[in-house]
C-alpha atoms as a PDB file:
ATOM      1  CA  MET A   1     161.721  71.762 163.690  1.00  0.00           C
ATOM      2  CA  SER A   2     158.794  72.288 166.071  1.00  0.00           C
ATOM      3  CA  GLU A   3     159.361  72.127 169.798  1.00  0.00           C
ATOM      4  CA  PRO A   4     158.314  68.877 171.551  1.00  0.00           C
ATOM      5  CA  TYR A   5     154.743  68.988 172.786  1.00  0.00           C
ATOM      6  CA  ARG A   6     152.779  66.665 175.039  1.00  0.00           C
ATOM      7  CA  ALA A   7     148.990  66.696 174.822  1.00  0.00           C
ATOM      8  CA  PRO A   8     147.104  66.682 178.138  1.00  0.00           C
ATOM      9  CA  ALA A   9     146.150  63.201 179.321  1.00  0.00           C
ATOM     10  CA  GLU A  10     142.460  64.122 179.226  1.00  0.00           C
ATOM     11  CA  SER A  11     142.785  65.064 175.543  1.00  0.00           C
ATOM     12  CA  GLN A  12     144.328  61.698 174.753  1.00  0.00           C
ATOM     13  CA  ARG A  13     141.524  59.974 176.642  1.00  0.00           C
ATOM     14  CA  TYR A  14     138.961  61.993 174.687  1.00  0.00           C
ATOM     15  CA  VAL A  15     140.440  60.824 171.383  1.00  0.00           C
ATOM     16  CA  PHE A  16     140.651  57.220 172.601  1.00  0.00           C
ATOM     17  CA  GLU A  17     136.991  57.174 173.626  1.00  0.00           C
ATOM     18  CA  GLN A  18     135.789  59.005 170.531  1.00  0.00           C
ATOM     19  CA  VAL A  19     137.382  56.516 168.148  1.00  0.00           C
ATOM     20  CA  ARG A  20     136.264  53.548 170.242  1.00  0.00           C
ATOM     21  CA  ARG A  21     132.700  54.864 170.102  1.00  0.00           C
ATOM     22  CA  THR A  22     132.503  55.994 166.464  1.00  0.00           C
ATOM     23  CA  ASP A  23     134.945  53.763 164.576  1.00  0.00           C
ATOM     24  CA  ARG A  24     135.152  50.502 166.534  1.00  0.00           C
ATOM     25  CA  ASP A  25     136.619  48.284 163.820  1.00  0.00           C
ATOM     26  CA  ARG A  26     139.541  50.566 163.002  1.00  0.00           C
ATOM     27  CA  PHE A  27     139.946  51.327 166.705  1.00  0.00           C
ATOM     28  CA  LEU A  28     140.478  47.631 167.436  1.00  0.00           C
ATOM     29  CA  ALA A  29     142.989  47.355 164.602  1.00  0.00           C
ATOM     30  CA  ALA A  30     144.944  50.385 165.821  1.00  0.00           C
ATOM     31  CA  LEU A  31     145.432  48.703 169.192  1.00  0.00           C
ATOM     32  CA  PHE A  32     147.916  46.356 167.516  1.00  0.00           C
ATOM     33  CA  ALA A  33     150.325  49.263 166.955  1.00  0.00           C
ATOM     34  CA  PRO A  34     153.068  50.164 169.483  1.00  0.00           C
ATOM     35  CA  GLU A  35     151.875  52.618 172.137  1.00  0.00           C
ATOM     36  CA  THR A  36     153.163  55.883 170.660  1.00  0.00           C
ATOM     37  CA  GLN A  37     152.129  54.998 167.122  1.00  0.00           C
ATOM     38  CA  ARG A  38     148.773  53.795 168.450  1.00  0.00           C
ATOM     39  CA  ALA A  39     148.061  57.228 169.934  1.00  0.00           C
ATOM     40  CA  ASP A  40     148.984  58.868 166.627  1.00  0.00           C
ATOM     41  CA  LEU A  41     146.794  56.489 164.606  1.00  0.00           C
ATOM     42  CA  LEU A  42     143.838  57.155 166.899  1.00  0.00           C
ATOM     43  CA  ALA A  43     144.325  60.900 166.550  1.00  0.00           C
ATOM     44  CA  ILE A  44     144.312  60.563 162.753  1.00  0.00           C
ATOM     45  CA  LEU A  45     141.167  58.418 162.804  1.00  0.00           C
ATOM     46  CA  ALA A  46     139.431  60.936 165.078  1.00  0.00           C
ATOM     47  CA  PHE A  47     140.515  63.722 162.719  1.00  0.00           C
ATOM     48  CA  ASP A  48     139.105  61.873 159.710  1.00  0.00           C
ATOM     49  CA  HIS A  49     135.845  61.326 161.595  1.00  0.00           C
ATOM     50  CA  GLU A  50     135.547  65.050 162.326  1.00  0.00           C
ATOM     51  CA  LEU A  51     136.144  65.906 158.676  1.00  0.00           C
ATOM     52  CA  ALA A  52     133.616  63.308 157.521  1.00  0.00           C
ATOM     53  CA  ARG A  53     131.024  64.751 159.911  1.00  0.00           C
ATOM     54  CA  THR A  54     131.166  68.017 157.981  1.00  0.00           C
ATOM     55  CA  ARG A  55     128.854  66.529 155.352  1.00  0.00           C
ATOM     56  CA  THR A  56     126.188  65.662 157.939  1.00  0.00           C
ATOM     57  CA  ALA A  57     126.670  68.411 160.519  1.00  0.00           C
ATOM     58  CA  THR A  58     125.275  71.058 158.172  1.00  0.00           C
ATOM     59  CA  ARG A  59     123.400  71.121 154.875  1.00  0.00           C
ATOM     60  CA  GLU A  60     124.858  74.499 153.932  1.00  0.00           C
ATOM     61  CA  PRO A  61     128.007  74.160 151.784  1.00  0.00           C
ATOM     62  CA  MET A  62     129.265  77.542 152.974  1.00  0.00           C
ATOM     63  CA  LEU A  63     129.034  76.517 156.630  1.00  0.00           C
ATOM     64  CA  ALA A  64     130.757  73.236 155.823  1.00  0.00           C
ATOM     65  CA  ALA A  65     133.569  75.133 154.090  1.00  0.00           C
ATOM     66  CA  ILE A  66     133.939  77.398 157.126  1.00  0.00           C
ATOM     67  CA  ARG A  67     134.162  74.346 159.359  1.00  0.00           C
ATOM     68  CA  LEU A  68     136.936  72.863 157.215  1.00  0.00           C
ATOM     69  CA  GLN A  69     138.779  76.180 157.140  1.00  0.00           C
ATOM     70  CA  TRP A  70     138.753  76.142 160.936  1.00  0.00           C
ATOM     71  CA  TRP A  71     140.489  72.776 160.782  1.00  0.00           C
ATOM     72  CA  ARG A  72     143.065  74.045 158.292  1.00  0.00           C
ATOM     73  CA  GLU A  73     143.993  76.890 160.616  1.00  0.00           C
ATOM     74  CA  ALA A  74     143.996  74.602 163.653  1.00  0.00           C
ATOM     75  CA  ILE A  75     146.339  72.148 161.919  1.00  0.00           C
ATOM     76  CA  GLU A  76     148.713  74.924 160.892  1.00  0.00           C
ATOM     77  CA  GLU A  77     148.868  76.081 164.495  1.00  0.00           C
ATOM     78  CA  ALA A  78     149.194  72.517 165.778  1.00  0.00           C
ATOM     79  CA  ALA A  79     152.246  71.999 163.566  1.00  0.00           C
ATOM     80  CA  GLY A  80     153.885  75.202 164.764  1.00  0.00           C
ATOM     81  CA  SER A  81     155.794  76.022 167.890  1.00  0.00           C
ATOM     82  CA  GLY A  82     153.103  77.907 169.799  1.00  0.00           C
ATOM     83  CA  LYS A  83     150.383  76.598 172.051  1.00  0.00           C
ATOM     84  CA  PRO A  84     147.712  74.737 170.020  1.00  0.00           C
ATOM     85  CA  ARG A  85     144.026  75.537 170.281  1.00  0.00           C
ATOM     86  CA  ALA A  86     142.427  74.313 173.487  1.00  0.00           C
ATOM     87  CA  GLN A  87     140.471  71.520 171.846  1.00  0.00           C
ATOM     88  CA  PRO A  88     141.189  67.871 172.736  1.00  0.00           C
ATOM     89  CA  LEU A  89     141.657  66.577 169.208  1.00  0.00           C
ATOM     90  CA  VAL A  90     143.766  69.553 168.150  1.00  0.00           C
ATOM     91  CA  GLU A  91     146.000  69.074 171.179  1.00  0.00           C
ATOM     92  CA  SER A  92     146.420  65.384 170.376  1.00  0.00           C
ATOM     93  CA  LEU A  93     147.158  66.138 166.738  1.00  0.00           C
ATOM     94  CA  SER A  94     149.707  68.721 167.803  1.00  0.00           C
ATOM     95  CA  GLU A  95     151.646  66.026 169.634  1.00  0.00           C
ATOM     96  CA  THR A  96     151.426  63.794 166.547  1.00  0.00           C
ATOM     97  CA  LEU A  97     152.587  66.579 164.247  1.00  0.00           C
ATOM     98  CA  ARG A  98     155.467  67.791 166.373  1.00  0.00           C
ATOM     99  CA  ARG A  99     156.783  64.320 167.056  1.00  0.00           C
ATOM    100  CA  GLY A 100     159.543  64.017 164.480  1.00  0.00           C
ATOM    101  CA  GLY A 101     158.857  67.457 163.037  1.00  0.00           C
ATOM    102  CA  ARG A 102     156.031  66.389 160.736  1.00  0.00           C
ATOM    103  CA  THR A 103     154.518  68.964 158.394  1.00  0.00           C
ATOM    104  CA  ALA A 104     150.877  69.986 158.003  1.00  0.00           C
ATOM    105  CA  GLU A 105     150.686  69.243 154.253  1.00  0.00           C
ATOM    106  CA  PRO A 106     149.500  65.600 154.469  1.00  0.00           C
ATOM    107  CA  PHE A 107     146.737  66.658 156.854  1.00  0.00           C
ATOM    108  CA  MET A 108     145.728  69.415 154.428  1.00  0.00           C
ATOM    109  CA  ALA A 109     145.528  66.809 151.668  1.00  0.00           C
ATOM    110  CA  LEU A 110     142.941  64.899 153.691  1.00  0.00           C
ATOM    111  CA  ILE A 111     140.956  68.085 154.350  1.00  0.00           C
ATOM    112  CA  ASP A 112     141.021  68.924 150.625  1.00  0.00           C
ATOM    113  CA  ALA A 113     139.822  65.427 149.720  1.00  0.00           C
ATOM    114  CA  ARG A 114     136.967  65.622 152.221  1.00  0.00           C
ATOM    115  CA  GLU A 115     136.020  69.109 151.034  1.00  0.00           C
ATOM    116  CA  GLU A 116     135.546  67.812 147.504  1.00  0.00           C
ATOM    117  CA  GLY A 117     132.711  65.663 148.782  1.00  0.00           C
ATOM    118  CA  ILE A 118     130.711  68.486 150.354  1.00  0.00           C
ATOM    119  CA  GLU A 119     128.687  69.253 147.237  1.00  0.00           C
ATOM    120  CA  GLY A 120     129.399  66.157 145.178  1.00  0.00           C
ATOM    121  CA  SER A 121     130.390  62.539 145.501  1.00  0.00           C
ATOM    122  CA  LEU A 122     133.325  61.704 147.711  1.00  0.00           C
ATOM    123  CA  ASP A 123     136.374  60.541 145.770  1.00  0.00           C
ATOM    124  CA  ALA A 124     137.111  57.354 147.714  1.00  0.00           C
ATOM    125  CA  ALA A 125     140.454  56.783 146.001  1.00  0.00           C
ATOM    126  CA  ARG A 126     141.738  60.294 146.726  1.00  0.00           C
ATOM    127  CA  THR A 127     140.446  60.343 150.294  1.00  0.00           C
ATOM    128  CA  GLY A 128     141.671  56.841 151.030  1.00  0.00           C
ATOM    129  CA  GLN A 129     145.101  57.668 149.665  1.00  0.00           C
ATOM    130  CA  ALA A 130     145.360  60.789 151.826  1.00  0.00           C
ATOM    131  CA  LEU A 131     144.344  58.882 154.951  1.00  0.00           C
ATOM    132  CA  ALA A 132     146.604  55.907 154.242  1.00  0.00           C
ATOM    133  CA  ASP A 133     149.593  58.164 153.607  1.00  0.00           C
ATOM    134  CA  LEU A 134     149.068  59.843 156.972  1.00  0.00           C
ATOM    135  CA  GLU A 135     148.834  56.497 158.728  1.00  0.00           C
ATOM    136  CA  LEU A 136     151.924  55.122 156.989  1.00  0.00           C
ATOM    137  CA  ALA A 137     153.862  58.228 157.989  1.00  0.00           C
ATOM    138  CA  VAL A 138     153.172  57.756 161.705  1.00  0.00           C
ATOM    139  CA  LEU A 139     154.051  54.063 161.359  1.00  0.00           C
ATOM    140  CA  ALA A 140     157.337  55.116 159.727  1.00  0.00           C
ATOM    141  CA  ILE A 141     156.689  52.903 156.700  1.00  0.00           C
ATOM    142  CA  ASP A 142     158.042  53.860 153.291  1.00  0.00           C
ATOM    143  CA  HIS A 143     157.502  50.736 151.222  1.00  0.00           C
ATOM    144  CA  GLU A 144     155.768  50.657 147.850  1.00  0.00           C
ATOM    145  CA  ALA A 145     153.827  47.392 148.130  1.00  0.00           C
ATOM    146  CA  THR A 146     152.646  48.322 151.625  1.00  0.00           C
ATOM    147  CA  ARG A 147     151.593  51.756 150.404  1.00  0.00           C
ATOM    148  CA  ARG A 148     149.529  50.254 147.590  1.00  0.00           C
ATOM    149  CA  ALA A 149     147.825  47.817 149.968  1.00  0.00           C
ATOM    150  CA  ALA A 150     147.100  50.496 152.578  1.00  0.00           C
ATOM    151  CA  ARG A 151     145.656  52.875 150.002  1.00  0.00           C
ATOM    152  CA  ALA A 152     143.432  50.127 148.594  1.00  0.00           C
ATOM    153  CA  VAL A 153     142.078  49.159 152.029  1.00  0.00           C
ATOM    154  CA  ALA A 154     141.488  52.801 153.010  1.00  0.00           C
ATOM    155  CA  ALA A 155     139.624  53.494 149.768  1.00  0.00           C
ATOM    156  CA  ALA A 156     137.569  50.302 150.064  1.00  0.00           C
ATOM    157  CA  TRP A 157     136.539  51.367 153.578  1.00  0.00           C
ATOM    158  CA  LEU A 158     134.808  54.410 152.074  1.00  0.00           C
ATOM    159  CA  MET A 159     132.900  52.487 149.419  1.00  0.00           C
ATOM    160  CA  ALA A 160     129.563  50.700 149.424  1.00  0.00           C
ATOM    161  CA  GLU A 161     129.527  46.947 149.071  1.00  0.00           C
ATOM    162  CA  GLY A 162     129.990  45.907 145.477  1.00  0.00           C
ATOM    163  CA  ALA A 163     132.365  44.806 142.747  1.00  0.00           C
ATOM    164  CA  ALA A 164     134.561  47.920 142.925  1.00  0.00           C
ATOM    165  CA  ARG A 165     135.179  47.471 146.644  1.00  0.00           C
ATOM    166  CA  ASP A 166     135.801  43.760 146.227  1.00  0.00           C
ATOM    167  CA  ALA A 167     138.373  44.474 143.532  1.00  0.00           C
ATOM    168  CA  LEU A 168     140.283  46.856 145.803  1.00  0.00           C
ATOM    169  CA  LEU A 169     140.316  44.324 148.623  1.00  0.00           C
ATOM    170  CA  ALA A 170     141.542  41.640 146.249  1.00  0.00           C
ATOM    171  CA  ASP A 171     144.334  43.948 145.081  1.00  0.00           C
ATOM    172  CA  ALA A 172     145.352  44.609 148.678  1.00  0.00           C
ATOM    173  CA  ARG A 173     145.320  40.937 149.636  1.00  0.00           C
ATOM    174  CA  ALA A 174     147.373  39.999 146.596  1.00  0.00           C
ATOM    175  CA  LEU A 175     150.220  41.947 148.223  1.00  0.00           C
ATOM    176  CA  ARG A 176     150.150  40.076 151.549  1.00  0.00           C
ATOM    177  CA  ALA A 177     153.463  38.335 150.936  1.00  0.00           C
ATOM    178  CA  GLU A 178     155.190  41.654 150.223  1.00  0.00           C
ATOM    179  CA  ILE A 179     153.866  44.104 152.818  1.00  0.00           C
ATOM    180  CA  ASP A 180     155.673  45.387 155.877  1.00  0.00           C
ATOM    181  CA  PRO A 181     153.987  43.608 158.841  1.00  0.00           C
ATOM    182  CA  SER A 182     154.179  46.855 160.821  1.00  0.00           C
ATOM    183  CA  ALA A 183     151.283  48.073 158.663  1.00  0.00           C
ATOM    184  CA  LEU A 184     148.837  45.444 159.922  1.00  0.00           C
ATOM    185  CA  PRO A 185     147.146  47.919 162.317  1.00  0.00           C
ATOM    186  CA  ILE A 186     145.841  49.787 159.256  1.00  0.00           C
ATOM    187  CA  LEU A 187     145.300  46.716 157.052  1.00  0.00           C
ATOM    188  CA  LEU A 188     143.321  44.522 159.460  1.00  0.00           C
ATOM    189  CA  PRO A 189     140.064  46.497 158.910  1.00  0.00           C
ATOM    190  CA  ALA A 190     139.874  44.807 155.491  1.00  0.00           C
ATOM    191  CA  LEU A 191     138.565  41.797 157.425  1.00  0.00           C
ATOM    192  CA  SER A 192     135.580  43.851 158.600  1.00  0.00           C
ATOM    193  CA  LEU A 193     134.589  44.391 154.969  1.00  0.00           C
ATOM    194  CA  GLY A 194     134.589  40.654 154.365  1.00  0.00           C
ATOM    195  CA  GLY A 195     131.616  39.838 156.572  1.00  0.00           C
ATOM    196  CA  THR A 196     133.338  39.052 159.880  1.00  0.00           C
ATOM    197  CA  ARG A 197     130.755  38.938 162.683  1.00  0.00           C
ATOM    198  CA  PRO A 198     131.205  41.943 165.039  1.00  0.00           C
ATOM    199  CA  GLY A 199     131.362  39.780 168.140  1.00  0.00           C
ATOM    200  CA  LEU A 200     134.230  37.782 166.689  1.00  0.00           C
ATOM    201  CA  LEU A 201     136.200  40.776 165.469  1.00  0.00           C
ATOM    202  CA  PRO A 202     138.758  41.074 168.319  1.00  0.00           C
ATOM    203  CA  LEU A 203     139.666  37.397 168.056  1.00  0.00           C
ATOM    204  CA  THR A 204     139.661  37.539 164.257  1.00  0.00           C
ATOM    205  CA  TYR A 205     142.034  40.497 164.259  1.00  0.00           C
ATOM    206  CA  TRP A 206     144.318  38.840 166.813  1.00  0.00           C
ATOM    207  CA  TRP A 207     144.540  35.607 164.859  1.00  0.00           C
ATOM    208  CA  ALA A 208     144.998  37.397 161.530  1.00  0.00           C
ATOM    209  CA  ALA A 209     147.753  39.612 162.973  1.00  0.00           C
ATOM    210  CA  ARG A 210     149.646  36.517 164.167  1.00  0.00           C
ATOM    211  CA  ARG A 211     149.463  35.070 160.672  1.00  0.00           C
ATOM    212  CA  GLY A 212     150.118  38.305 158.804  1.00  0.00           C
ATOM    213  CA  ARG A 213     146.692  38.161 157.140  1.00  0.00           C
ATOM    214  CA  TYR A 214     144.081  40.802 156.480  1.00  0.00           C
END
């Protein structure tokens, strides 16, 4: 098992601000998680954002592949026992990984899913599943109905508006009576895909969380 590691406070602040700035809806939902799990969820969302940026940061597939390989190596180091790379997100992810002795494999699965979309269409189902599985792991949830709902919401988040996305959201909502309520911080963003006005989002999330809705 890896040695305990604590990311610098400034690295945690960097992740907090990055997700608040670039992924506001899922940032607000993550705030409903307990403090430690909240920090881990934000680190995962920031990581997913960095991987997604690979498609827009460069038009050269080779450069994009090099960028993703850098992340693979950084994650391997972050999961180890040595000092992680001096990069705020890597340091935050190192704390997430070493808490409870988590392995790098689920993070690699997300990198692999994002890499598939460099030269072709992103596989929303595969990418959503990889992200949801990471989030469920830090929430310590191992429950089949909750897993199915989380994967559906995560995949729907990556899709354009349309019948396919609506079907995934309907599948997720059909499981509301069965899910583990601890997963609401990753299920609440489904409300953002249903046309909730941005200004009402904090209140909508708060009320939905009280009722166990998403």
